[in-house]
C-alpha cells in the first residue's frame, strides 16, 4: 500500500508522520483498503512522545480471485477489480448453491 501525508498548512510532509498531519492511505492493485482512507496523526492518549492515527490506520487485504470451473461461469465488471459486481451462472443441469452468496458452487438439479 501507500500513504501520503500533508501538514496542517497542506504541505506534503514527505511521508513523515508529523503531529496534526492528515494522511491518505491507498492500496495497490489486487488489494482492498479495510478502514478509513483518511486519518490524522496525533499524540497518543497517554501523552507519550509517540504518535498514532485517529481513526486507526487502515490495512490492505488481498482480494479474492474468482475463477471459473467446468460448470461455474463468472462475469465481473471492472475486470474483477475492487468494487466489481460479479454474476454467476451454471452450465448444463447445474444450479447455484447456495443461491445469492459471495462464494458459490454448482450442484445437480
PDB file of N, CA and C in Angstrom:
ATOM      1  N   UNK A   1       0.814  -1.175   0.000  1.00  0.00           N
ATOM      2  CA  UNK A   1       0.000   0.000   0.000  1.00  0.00           C
ATOM      3  C   UNK A   1       0.870   1.256   0.000  1.00  0.00           C
ATOM      4  N   UNK A   2       0.195   2.387   0.136  1.00  0.00           N
ATOM      5  CA  UNK A   2       0.908   3.657   0.147  1.00  0.00           C
ATOM      6  C   UNK A   2       0.181   4.646   1.045  1.00  0.00           C
ATOM      7  N   UNK A   3       0.893   5.679   1.465  1.00  0.00           N
ATOM      8  CA  UNK A   3       0.323   6.728   2.296  1.00  0.00           C
ATOM      9  C   UNK A   3       0.950   8.062   1.884  1.00  0.00           C
ATOM     10  N   UNK A   4       0.128   9.107   1.819  1.00  0.00           N
ATOM     11  CA  UNK A   4       0.591  10.463   1.555  1.00  0.00           C
ATOM     12  C   UNK A   4       0.083  11.343   2.679  1.00  0.00           C
ATOM     13  N   UNK A   5       0.987  12.100   3.302  1.00  0.00           N
ATOM     14  CA  UNK A   5       0.627  12.957   4.427  1.00  0.00           C
ATOM     15  C   UNK A   5       0.921  14.422   4.108  1.00  0.00           C
ATOM     16  N   UNK A   6       0.040  15.298   4.602  1.00  0.00           N
ATOM     17  CA  UNK A   6       0.243  16.747   4.476  1.00  0.00           C
ATOM     18  C   UNK A   6       0.159  17.358   5.860  1.00  0.00           C
ATOM     19  N   UNK A   7       1.011  18.354   6.099  1.00  0.00           N
ATOM     20  CA  UNK A   7       0.993  19.005   7.405  1.00  0.00           C
ATOM     21  C   UNK A   7      -0.216  19.931   7.527  1.00  0.00           C
ATOM     22  N   UNK A   8      -0.347  20.616   8.658  1.00  0.00           N
ATOM     23  CA  UNK A   8      -1.507  21.465   8.925  1.00  0.00           C
ATOM     24  C   UNK A   8      -1.690  22.569   7.887  1.00  0.00           C
ATOM     25  N   UNK A   9      -0.616  23.005   7.229  1.00  0.00           N
ATOM     26  CA  UNK A   9      -0.704  24.035   6.193  1.00  0.00           C
ATOM     27  C   UNK A   9      -0.941  23.444   4.804  1.00  0.00           C
ATOM     28  N   UNK A  10      -1.082  22.140   4.712  1.00  0.00           N
ATOM     29  CA  UNK A  10      -1.349  21.498   3.436  1.00  0.00           C
ATOM     30  C   UNK A  10      -0.113  21.152   2.635  1.00  0.00           C
ATOM     31  N   UNK A  11       1.063  21.330   3.221  1.00  0.00           N
ATOM     32  CA  UNK A  11       2.313  20.982   2.521  1.00  0.00           C
ATOM     33  C   UNK A  11       2.591  19.493   2.666  1.00  0.00           C
ATOM     34  N   UNK A  12       3.113  18.904   1.607  1.00  0.00           N
ATOM     35  CA  UNK A  12       3.473  17.490   1.640  1.00  0.00           C
ATOM     36  C   UNK A  12       4.476  17.259   2.755  1.00  0.00           C
ATOM     37  N   UNK A  13       4.205  16.297   3.597  1.00  0.00           N
ATOM     38  CA  UNK A  13       5.048  16.022   4.761  1.00  0.00           C
ATOM     39  C   UNK A  13       6.109  14.968   4.455  1.00  0.00           C
ATOM     40  N   UNK A  14       6.363  14.698   3.170  1.00  0.00           N
ATOM     41  CA  UNK A  14       7.375  13.709   2.765  1.00  0.00           C
ATOM     42  C   UNK A  14       7.217  12.385   3.499  1.00  0.00           C
ATOM     43  N   UNK A  15       5.937  12.004   3.670  1.00  0.00           N
ATOM     44  CA  UNK A  15       5.578  10.740   4.328  1.00  0.00           C
ATOM     45  C   UNK A  15       6.151  10.618   5.732  1.00  0.00           C
ATOM     46  N   UNK A  16       6.476  11.753   6.357  1.00  0.00           N
ATOM     47  CA  UNK A  16       6.842  11.746   7.772  1.00  0.00           C
ATOM     48  C   UNK A  16       5.541  11.942   8.539  1.00  0.00           C
ATOM     49  N   UNK A  17       5.413  11.217   9.598  1.00  0.00           N
ATOM     50  CA  UNK A  17       4.196  11.303  10.380  1.00  0.00           C
ATOM     51  C   UNK A  17       4.348  12.402  11.421  1.00  0.00           C
ATOM     52  N   UNK A  18       3.946  13.623  11.063  1.00  0.00           N
ATOM     53  CA  UNK A  18       4.040  14.777  11.935  1.00  0.00           C
ATOM     54  C   UNK A  18       2.720  14.966  12.662  1.00  0.00           C
ATOM     55  N   UNK A  19       2.791  15.391  13.919  1.00  0.00           N
ATOM     56  CA  UNK A  19       1.570  15.623  14.681  1.00  0.00           C
ATOM     57  C   UNK A  19       0.687  16.625  13.944  1.00  0.00           C
ATOM     58  N   UNK A  20      -0.583  16.272  13.764  1.00  0.00           N
ATOM     59  CA  UNK A  20      -1.533  17.116  13.066  1.00  0.00           C
ATOM     60  C   UNK A  20      -1.595  16.879  11.566  1.00  0.00           C
ATOM     61  N   UNK A  21      -0.690  16.078  11.018  1.00  0.00           N
ATOM     62  CA  UNK A  21      -0.695  15.806   9.578  1.00  0.00           C
ATOM     63  C   UNK A  21      -1.895  14.942   9.208  1.00  0.00           C
ATOM     64  N   UNK A  22      -2.525  15.276   8.080  1.00  0.00           N
ATOM     65  CA  UNK A  22      -3.605  14.447   7.561  1.00  0.00           C
ATOM     66  C   UNK A  22      -2.995  13.477   6.555  1.00  0.00           C
ATOM     67  N   UNK A  23      -3.290  12.212   6.727  1.00  0.00           N
ATOM     68  CA  UNK A  23      -2.716  11.183   5.865  1.00  0.00           C
ATOM     69  C   UNK A  23      -3.825  10.471   5.086  1.00  0.00           C
ATOM     70  N   UNK A  24      -3.546  10.186   3.815  1.00  0.00           N
ATOM     71  CA  UNK A  24      -4.477   9.475   2.942  1.00  0.00           C
ATOM     72  C   UNK A  24      -3.802   8.161   2.545  1.00  0.00           C
ATOM     73  N   UNK A  25      -4.485   7.053   2.791  1.00  0.00           N
ATOM     74  CA  UNK A  25      -3.953   5.725   2.518  1.00  0.00           C
ATOM     75  C   UNK A  25      -4.583   5.140   1.262  1.00  0.00           C
ATOM     76  N   UNK A  26      -3.883   4.247   0.604  1.00  0.00           N
ATOM     77  CA  UNK A  26      -4.392   3.539  -0.555  1.00  0.00           C
ATOM     78  C   UNK A  26      -3.717   2.188  -0.677  1.00  0.00           C
ATOM     79  N   UNK A  27      -4.259   1.357  -1.547  1.00  0.00           N
ATOM     80  CA  UNK A  27      -3.728   0.005  -1.747  1.00  0.00           C
ATOM     81  C   UNK A  27      -3.340  -0.202  -3.203  1.00  0.00           C
ATOM     82  N   UNK A  28      -2.422  -1.106  -3.423  1.00  0.00           N
ATOM     83  CA  UNK A  28      -2.007  -1.479  -4.767  1.00  0.00           C
ATOM     84  C   UNK A  28      -3.077  -2.345  -5.417  1.00  0.00           C
ATOM     85  N   UNK A  29      -2.992  -2.515  -6.725  1.00  0.00           N
ATOM     86  CA  UNK A  29      -3.925  -3.347  -7.475  1.00  0.00           C
ATOM     87  C   UNK A  29      -3.982  -4.745  -6.865  1.00  0.00           C
ATOM     88  N   UNK A  30      -5.192  -5.276  -6.738  1.00  0.00           N
ATOM     89  CA  UNK A  30      -5.382  -6.612  -6.179  1.00  0.00           C
ATOM     90  C   UNK A  30      -5.592  -6.608  -4.679  1.00  0.00           C
ATOM     91  N   UNK A  31      -5.592  -5.428  -4.056  1.00  0.00           N
ATOM     92  CA  UNK A  31      -5.798  -5.308  -2.621  1.00  0.00           C
ATOM     93  C   UNK A  31      -6.916  -4.311  -2.348  1.00  0.00           C
ATOM     94  N   UNK A  32      -7.653  -4.527  -1.243  1.00  0.00           N
ATOM     95  CA  UNK A  32      -8.747  -3.641  -0.851  1.00  0.00           C
ATOM     96  C   UNK A  32      -8.413  -2.999   0.488  1.00  0.00           C
ATOM     97  N   UNK A  33      -8.738  -1.721   0.626  1.00  0.00           N
ATOM     98  CA  UNK A  33      -8.483  -0.973   1.857  1.00  0.00           C
ATOM     99  C   UNK A  33      -9.540  -1.320   2.893  1.00  0.00           C
ATOM    100  N   UNK A  34      -9.121  -1.703   4.073  1.00  0.00           N
ATOM    101  CA  UNK A  34     -10.017  -2.009   5.186  1.00  0.00           C
ATOM    102  C   UNK A  34      -9.772  -0.964   6.267  1.00  0.00           C
ATOM    103  N   UNK A  35     -10.744  -0.072   6.444  1.00  0.00           N
ATOM    104  CA  UNK A  35     -10.606   1.008   7.414  1.00  0.00           C
ATOM    105  C   UNK A  35     -10.775   2.339   6.718  1.00  0.00           C
ATOM    106  N   UNK A  36     -10.565   3.394   7.468  1.00  0.00           N
ATOM    107  CA  UNK A  36     -10.750   4.741   6.954  1.00  0.00           C
ATOM    108  C   UNK A  36      -9.607   5.142   6.031  1.00  0.00           C
ATOM    109  N   UNK A  37      -9.938   5.723   4.883  1.00  0.00           N
ATOM    110  CA  UNK A  37      -8.927   6.164   3.918  1.00  0.00           C
ATOM    111  C   UNK A  37      -8.142   7.360   4.446  1.00  0.00           C
ATOM    112  N   UNK A  38      -8.792   8.239   5.201  1.00  0.00           N
ATOM    113  CA  UNK A  38      -8.151   9.441   5.749  1.00  0.00           C
ATOM    114  C   UNK A  38      -8.007   9.318   7.262  1.00  0.00           C
ATOM    115  N   UNK A  39      -6.831   9.683   7.768  1.00  0.00           N
ATOM    116  CA  UNK A  39      -6.581   9.703   9.206  1.00  0.00           C
ATOM    117  C   UNK A  39      -5.761  10.939   9.545  1.00  0.00           C
ATOM    118  N   UNK A  40      -5.698  11.237  10.827  1.00  0.00           N
ATOM    119  CA  UNK A  40      -4.878  12.346  11.312  1.00  0.00           C
ATOM    120  C   UNK A  40      -3.870  11.785  12.294  1.00  0.00           C
ATOM    121  N   UNK A  41      -2.637  12.245  12.160  1.00  0.00           N
ATOM    122  CA  UNK A  41      -1.562  11.817  13.048  1.00  0.00           C
ATOM    123  C   UNK A  41      -1.655  12.660  14.328  1.00  0.00           C
ATOM    124  N   UNK A  42      -1.695  12.007  15.475  1.00  0.00           N
ATOM    125  CA  UNK A  42      -1.834  12.727  16.741  1.00  0.00           C
ATOM    126  C   UNK A  42      -0.996  12.066  17.823  1.00  0.00           C
ATOM    127  N   UNK A  43      -0.791  12.774  18.904  1.00  0.00           N
ATOM    128  CA  UNK A  43      -0.058  12.229  20.047  1.00  0.00           C
ATOM    129  C   UNK A  43      -0.939  11.188  20.729  1.00  0.00           C
ATOM    130  N   UNK A  44      -0.347  10.138  21.289  1.00  0.00           N
ATOM    131  CA  UNK A  44      -1.123   9.085  21.949  1.00  0.00           C
ATOM    132  C   UNK A  44      -1.858   9.651  23.161  1.00  0.00           C
ATOM    133  N   UNK A  45      -2.907   8.970  23.561  1.00  0.00           N
ATOM    134  CA  UNK A  45      -3.756   9.425  24.661  1.00  0.00           C
ATOM    135  C   UNK A  45      -2.983   9.531  25.977  1.00  0.00           C
ATOM    136  N   UNK A  46      -1.941   8.743  26.129  1.00  0.00           N
ATOM    137  CA  UNK A  46      -1.186   8.755  27.383  1.00  0.00           C
ATOM    138  C   UNK A  46      -0.226   9.937  27.461  1.00  0.00           C
ATOM    139  N   UNK A  47      -0.148  10.729  26.388  1.00  0.00           N
ATOM    140  CA  UNK A  47       0.723  11.899  26.389  1.00  0.00           C
ATOM    141  C   UNK A  47       2.182  11.569  26.131  1.00  0.00           C
ATOM    142  N   UNK A  48       2.459  10.333  25.769  1.00  0.00           N
ATOM    143  CA  UNK A  48       3.835   9.949  25.464  1.00  0.00           C
ATOM    144  C   UNK A  48       4.304  10.690  24.224  1.00  0.00           C
ATOM    145  N   UNK A  49       5.538  10.558  23.892  1.00  0.00           N
ATOM    146  CA  UNK A  49       6.086  11.209  22.708  1.00  0.00           C
ATOM    147  C   UNK A  49       5.792  10.401  21.451  1.00  0.00           C
ATOM    148  N   UNK A  50       4.992   9.372  21.586  1.00  0.00           N
ATOM    149  CA  UNK A  50       4.640   8.541  20.433  1.00  0.00           C
ATOM    150  C   UNK A  50       3.442   9.131  19.718  1.00  0.00           C
ATOM    151  N   UNK A  51       3.335   8.843  18.429  1.00  0.00           N
ATOM    152  CA  UNK A  51       2.214   9.314  17.623  1.00  0.00           C
ATOM    153  C   UNK A  51       1.374   8.129  17.177  1.00  0.00           C
ATOM    154  N   UNK A  52       0.091   8.379  16.942  1.00  0.00           N
ATOM    155  CA  UNK A  52      -0.809   7.352  16.426  1.00  0.00           C
ATOM    156  C   UNK A  52      -1.779   8.019  15.464  1.00  0.00           C
ATOM    157  N   UNK A  53      -2.597   7.219  14.800  1.00  0.00           N
ATOM    158  CA  UNK A  53      -3.571   7.730  13.844  1.00  0.00           C
ATOM    159  C   UNK A  53      -4.968   7.704  14.445  1.00  0.00           C
ATOM    160  N   UNK A  54      -5.755   8.726  14.122  1.00  0.00           N
ATOM    161  CA  UNK A  54      -7.152   8.770  14.525  1.00  0.00           C
ATOM    162  C   UNK A  54      -7.978   9.114  13.303  1.00  0.00           C
ATOM    163  N   UNK A  55      -8.884   8.275  12.817  1.00  0.00           N
ATOM    164  CA  UNK A  55      -9.068   6.901  13.288  1.00  0.00           C
ATOM    165  C   UNK A  55      -7.836   6.040  12.984  1.00  0.00           C
ATOM    166  N   UNK A  56      -7.862   4.840  13.514  1.00  0.00           N
ATOM    167  CA  UNK A  56      -6.750   3.894  13.369  1.00  0.00           C
ATOM    168  C   UNK A  56      -6.349   3.738  11.902  1.00  0.00           C
ATOM    169  N   UNK A  57      -5.047   3.592  11.652  1.00  0.00           N
ATOM    170  CA  UNK A  57      -4.549   3.419  10.278  1.00  0.00           C
ATOM    171  C   UNK A  57      -5.174   2.168   9.646  1.00  0.00           C
ATOM    172  N   UNK A  58      -5.600   2.263   8.387  1.00  0.00           N
ATOM    173  CA  UNK A  58      -6.208   1.106   7.716  1.00  0.00           C
ATOM    174  C   UNK A  58      -5.152   0.093   7.292  1.00  0.00           C
ATOM    175  N   UNK A  59      -5.613  -1.007   6.763  1.00  0.00           N
ATOM    176  CA  UNK A  59      -4.698  -2.030   6.233  1.00  0.00           C
ATOM    177  C   UNK A  59      -5.198  -2.469   4.862  1.00  0.00           C
ATOM    178  N   UNK A  60      -4.310  -3.066   4.092  1.00  0.00           N
ATOM    179  CA  UNK A  60      -4.657  -3.580   2.768  1.00  0.00           C
ATOM    180  C   UNK A  60      -4.809  -5.092   2.848  1.00  0.00           C
ATOM    181  N   UNK A  61      -5.917  -5.608   2.306  1.00  0.00           N
ATOM    182  CA  UNK A  61      -6.147  -7.057   2.283  1.00  0.00           C
ATOM    183  C   UNK A  61      -6.251  -7.524   0.843  1.00  0.00           C
ATOM    184  N   UNK A  62      -5.674  -8.681   0.588  1.00  0.00           N
ATOM    185  CA  UNK A  62      -5.690  -9.239  -0.761  1.00  0.00           C
ATOM    186  C   UNK A  62      -7.115  -9.583  -1.179  1.00  0.00           C
ATOM    187  N   UNK A  63      -7.463  -9.235  -2.402  1.00  0.00           N
ATOM    188  CA  UNK A  63      -8.791  -9.550  -2.940  1.00  0.00           C
ATOM    189  C   UNK A  63      -8.858 -11.013  -3.349  1.00  0.00           C
ATOM    190  N   UNK A  64     -10.032 -11.590  -3.200  1.00  0.00           N
ATOM    191  CA  UNK A  64     -10.261 -12.973  -3.601  1.00  0.00           C
ATOM    192  C   UNK A  64     -10.372 -13.047  -5.119  1.00  0.00           C
ATOM    193  N   UNK A  65      -9.664 -13.979  -5.701  1.00  0.00           N
ATOM    194  CA  UNK A  65      -9.753 -14.187  -7.143  1.00  0.00           C
ATOM    195  C   UNK A  65     -10.879 -15.175  -7.411  1.00  0.00           C
ATOM    196  N   UNK A  66     -11.792 -14.794  -8.266  1.00  0.00           N
ATOM    197  CA  UNK A  66     -12.920 -15.663  -8.602  1.00  0.00           C
ATOM    198  C   UNK A  66     -12.583 -16.376  -9.902  1.00  0.00           C
ATOM    199  N   UNK A  67     -12.490 -17.688  -9.823  1.00  0.00           N
ATOM    200  CA  UNK A  67     -12.101 -18.472 -11.000  1.00  0.00           C
ATOM    201  C   UNK A  67     -13.269 -19.302 -11.515  1.00  0.00           C
ATOM    202  N   UNK A  68     -13.348 -19.389 -12.825  1.00  0.00           N
ATOM    203  CA  UNK A  68     -14.361 -20.246 -13.435  1.00  0.00           C
ATOM    204  C   UNK A  68     -13.951 -21.702 -13.307  1.00  0.00           C
ATOM    205  N   UNK A  69     -14.950 -22.574 -13.295  1.00  0.00           N
ATOM    206  CA  UNK A  69     -14.715 -24.015 -13.300  1.00  0.00           C
ATOM    207  C   UNK A  69     -15.421 -24.590 -14.521  1.00  0.00           C
ATOM    208  N   UNK A  70     -15.442 -25.900 -14.612  1.00  0.00           N
ATOM    209  CA  UNK A  70     -16.113 -26.566 -15.725  1.00  0.00           C
ATOM    210  C   UNK A  70     -17.592 -26.179 -15.782  1.00  0.00           C
ATOM    211  N   UNK A  71     -18.221 -26.043 -14.610  1.00  0.00           N
ATOM    212  CA  UNK A  71     -19.651 -25.766 -14.563  1.00  0.00           C
ATOM    213  C   UNK A  71     -19.995 -24.331 -14.140  1.00  0.00           C
ATOM    214  N   UNK A  72     -19.081 -23.631 -13.496  1.00  0.00           N
ATOM    215  CA  UNK A  72     -19.360 -22.285 -12.999  1.00  0.00           C
ATOM    216  C   UNK A  72     -18.746 -21.240 -13.923  1.00  0.00           C
ATOM    217  N   UNK A  73     -19.576 -20.356 -14.449  1.00  0.00           N
ATOM    218  CA  UNK A  73     -19.130 -19.253 -15.306  1.00  0.00           C
ATOM    219  C   UNK A  73     -19.301 -17.957 -14.522  1.00  0.00           C
ATOM    220  N   UNK A  74     -18.298 -17.090 -14.601  1.00  0.00           N
ATOM    221  CA  UNK A  74     -18.288 -15.843 -13.845  1.00  0.00           C
ATOM    222  C   UNK A  74     -18.103 -14.682 -14.809  1.00  0.00           C
ATOM    223  N   UNK A  75     -18.911 -13.641 -14.626  1.00  0.00           N
ATOM    224  CA  UNK A  75     -18.784 -12.434 -15.432  1.00  0.00           C
ATOM    225  C   UNK A  75     -18.755 -11.239 -14.477  1.00  0.00           C
ATOM    226  N   UNK A  76     -17.572 -10.590 -14.360  1.00  0.00           N
ATOM    227  CA  UNK A  76     -17.415  -9.443 -13.464  1.00  0.00           C
ATOM    228  C   UNK A  76     -17.156  -8.183 -14.271  1.00  0.00           C
ATOM    229  N   UNK A  77     -17.793  -7.078 -13.827  1.00  0.00           N
ATOM    230  CA  UNK A  77     -17.474  -5.812 -14.464  1.00  0.00           C
ATOM    231  C   UNK A  77     -16.158  -5.308 -13.866  1.00  0.00           C
ATOM    232  N   UNK A  78     -15.602  -4.288 -14.394  1.00  0.00           N
ATOM    233  CA  UNK A  78     -14.343  -3.700 -13.910  1.00  0.00           C
ATOM    234  C   UNK A  78     -13.215  -4.727 -13.833  1.00  0.00           C
ATOM    235  N   UNK A  79     -13.254  -5.729 -14.679  1.00  0.00           N
ATOM    236  CA  UNK A  79     -12.192  -6.746 -14.770  1.00  0.00           C
ATOM    237  C   UNK A  79     -11.872  -7.397 -13.426  1.00  0.00           C
ATOM    238  N   UNK A  80     -12.913  -7.648 -12.615  1.00  0.00           N
ATOM    239  CA  UNK A  80     -12.758  -8.309 -11.327  1.00  0.00           C
ATOM    240  C   UNK A  80     -11.834  -7.530 -10.389  1.00  0.00           C
ATOM    241  N   UNK A  81     -11.850  -6.197 -10.469  1.00  0.00           N
ATOM    242  CA  UNK A  81     -11.062  -5.382  -9.548  1.00  0.00           C
ATOM    243  C   UNK A  81     -11.927  -5.016  -8.348  1.00  0.00           C
ATOM    244  N   UNK A  82     -11.346  -4.299  -7.393  1.00  0.00           N
ATOM    245  CA  UNK A  82     -12.081  -3.915  -6.194  1.00  0.00           C
ATOM    246  C   UNK A  82     -13.346  -3.164  -6.587  1.00  0.00           C
ATOM    247  N   UNK A  83     -14.467  -3.552  -6.009  1.00  0.00           N
ATOM    248  CA  UNK A  83     -15.738  -2.906  -6.299  1.00  0.00           C
ATOM    249  C   UNK A  83     -16.494  -3.519  -7.461  1.00  0.00           C
ATOM    250  N   UNK A  84     -15.945  -4.560  -8.076  1.00  0.00           N
ATOM    251  CA  UNK A  84     -16.627  -5.214  -9.191  1.00  0.00           C
ATOM    252  C   UNK A  84     -17.916  -5.878  -8.732  1.00  0.00           C
ATOM    253  N   UNK A  85     -18.863  -5.937  -9.633  1.00  0.00           N
ATOM    254  CA  UNK A  85     -20.089  -6.705  -9.410  1.00  0.00           C
ATOM    255  C   UNK A  85     -20.006  -7.921 -10.315  1.00  0.00           C
ATOM    256  N   UNK A  86     -20.136  -9.109  -9.722  1.00  0.00           N
ATOM    257  CA  UNK A  86     -19.982 -10.353 -10.474  1.00  0.00           C
ATOM    258  C   UNK A  86     -21.306 -11.099 -10.561  1.00  0.00           C
ATOM    259  N   UNK A  87     -21.540 -11.693 -11.723  1.00  0.00           N
ATOM    260  CA  UNK A  87     -22.707 -12.534 -11.937  1.00  0.00           C
ATOM    261  C   UNK A  87     -22.218 -13.955 -12.166  1.00  0.00           C
ATOM    262  N   UNK A  88     -22.895 -14.905 -11.510  1.00  0.00           N
ATOM    263  CA  UNK A  88     -22.531 -16.308 -11.605  1.00  0.00           C
ATOM    264  C   UNK A  88     -23.586 -17.053 -12.400  1.00  0.00           C
ATOM    265  N   UNK A  89     -23.137 -18.039 -13.176  1.00  0.00           N
ATOM    266  CA  UNK A  89     -24.047 -18.838 -13.990  1.00  0.00           C
ATOM    267  C   UNK A  89     -23.504 -20.257 -14.055  1.00  0.00           C
ATOM    268  N   UNK A  90     -24.401 -21.214 -13.940  1.00  0.00           N
ATOM    269  CA  UNK A  90     -24.008 -22.619 -14.049  1.00  0.00           C
ATOM    270  C   UNK A  90     -24.371 -23.142 -15.431  1.00  0.00           C
ATOM    271  N   UNK A  91     -23.611 -24.110 -15.888  1.00  0.00           N
ATOM    272  CA  UNK A  91     -23.872 -24.711 -17.188  1.00  0.00           C
ATOM    273  C   UNK A  91     -24.531 -26.080 -16.998  1.00  0.00           C
ATOM    274  N   UNK A  92     -25.109 -26.582 -18.084  1.00  0.00           N
ATOM    275  CA  UNK A  92     -25.717 -27.914 -18.057  1.00  0.00           C
ATOM    276  C   UNK A  92     -26.880 -27.983 -17.096  1.00  0.00           C
ATOM    277  N   UNK A  93     -26.945 -29.101 -16.340  1.00  0.00           N
ATOM    278  CA  UNK A  93     -28.066 -29.311 -15.421  1.00  0.00           C
ATOM    279  C   UNK A  93     -27.732 -28.853 -13.999  1.00  0.00           C
ATOM    280  N   UNK A  94     -26.808 -27.920 -13.867  1.00  0.00           N
ATOM    281  CA  UNK A  94     -26.367 -27.445 -12.551  1.00  0.00           C
ATOM    282  C   UNK A  94     -27.098 -26.159 -12.161  1.00  0.00           C
ATOM    283  N   UNK A  95     -27.217 -25.918 -10.824  1.00  0.00           N
ATOM    284  CA  UNK A  95     -27.803 -24.689 -10.290  1.00  0.00           C
ATOM    285  C   UNK A  95     -26.857 -24.125  -9.235  1.00  0.00           C
ATOM    286  N   UNK A  96     -26.949 -22.832  -8.997  1.00  0.00           N
ATOM    287  CA  UNK A  96     -26.101 -22.210  -7.982  1.00  0.00           C
ATOM    288  C   UNK A  96     -26.495 -22.696  -6.596  1.00  0.00           C
ATOM    289  N   UNK A  97     -25.478 -23.007  -5.773  1.00  0.00           N
ATOM    290  CA  UNK A  97     -25.728 -23.448  -4.410  1.00  0.00           C
ATOM    291  C   UNK A  97     -24.641 -22.918  -3.503  1.00  0.00           C
ATOM    292  N   UNK A  98     -24.925 -22.274  -2.391  1.00  0.00           N
ATOM    293  CA  UNK A  98     -26.238 -21.702  -2.107  1.00  0.00           C
ATOM    294  C   UNK A  98     -26.480 -20.483  -2.993  1.00  0.00           C
ATOM    295  N   UNK A  99     -27.742 -20.186  -3.300  1.00  0.00           N
ATOM    296  CA  UNK A  99     -28.036 -19.053  -4.181  1.00  0.00           C
ATOM    297  C   UNK A  99     -27.735 -17.722  -3.495  1.00  0.00           C
ATOM    298  N   UNK A 100     -27.385 -16.700  -4.289  1.00  0.00           N
ATOM    299  CA  UNK A 100     -27.147 -15.336  -3.814  1.00  0.00           C
ATOM    300  C   UNK A 100     -26.118 -15.263  -2.690  1.00  0.00           C
ATOM    301  N   UNK A 101     -24.993 -15.890  -2.861  1.00  0.00           N
ATOM    302  CA  UNK A 101     -23.903 -15.829  -1.879  1.00  0.00           C
ATOM    303  C   UNK A 101     -22.657 -15.278  -2.564  1.00  0.00           C
ATOM    304  N   UNK A 102     -21.715 -14.769  -1.749  1.00  0.00           N
ATOM    305  CA  UNK A 102     -20.469 -14.265  -2.331  1.00  0.00           C
ATOM    306  C   UNK A 102     -19.556 -15.407  -2.752  1.00  0.00           C
ATOM    307  N   UNK A 103     -19.692 -16.539  -2.096  1.00  0.00           N
ATOM    308  CA  UNK A 103     -18.960 -17.730  -2.509  1.00  0.00           C
ATOM    309  C   UNK A 103     -20.006 -18.764  -2.901  1.00  0.00           C
ATOM    310  N   UNK A 104     -19.851 -19.331  -4.060  1.00  0.00           N
ATOM    311  CA  UNK A 104     -20.891 -20.251  -4.546  1.00  0.00           C
ATOM    312  C   UNK A 104     -20.262 -21.375  -5.347  1.00  0.00           C
ATOM    313  N   UNK A 105     -21.008 -22.411  -5.563  1.00  0.00           N
ATOM    314  CA  UNK A 105     -20.583 -23.527  -6.413  1.00  0.00           C
ATOM    315  C   UNK A 105     -21.801 -24.072  -7.114  1.00  0.00           C
ATOM    316  N   UNK A 106     -21.615 -24.956  -8.068  1.00  0.00           N
ATOM    317  CA  UNK A 106     -22.725 -25.544  -8.802  1.00  0.00           C
ATOM    318  C   UNK A 106     -23.003 -26.948  -8.299  1.00  0.00           C
ATOM    319  N   UNK A 107     -24.284 -27.316  -8.247  1.00  0.00           N
ATOM    320  CA  UNK A 107     -24.659 -28.684  -7.871  1.00  0.00           C
ATOM    321  C   UNK A 107     -25.755 -29.154  -8.825  1.00  0.00           C
ATOM    322  N   UNK A 108     -25.978 -30.460  -8.847  1.00  0.00           N
ATOM    323  CA  UNK A 108     -27.007 -31.023  -9.744  1.00  0.00           C
ATOM    324  C   UNK A 108     -28.396 -30.560  -9.309  1.00  0.00           C
ATOM    325  N   UNK A 109     -29.271 -30.418 -10.319  1.00  0.00           N
ATOM    326  CA  UNK A 109     -30.655 -30.045 -10.015  1.00  0.00           C
ATOM    327  C   UNK A 109     -31.456 -31.262  -9.622  1.00  0.00           C
TER     328      UNK A 109
END
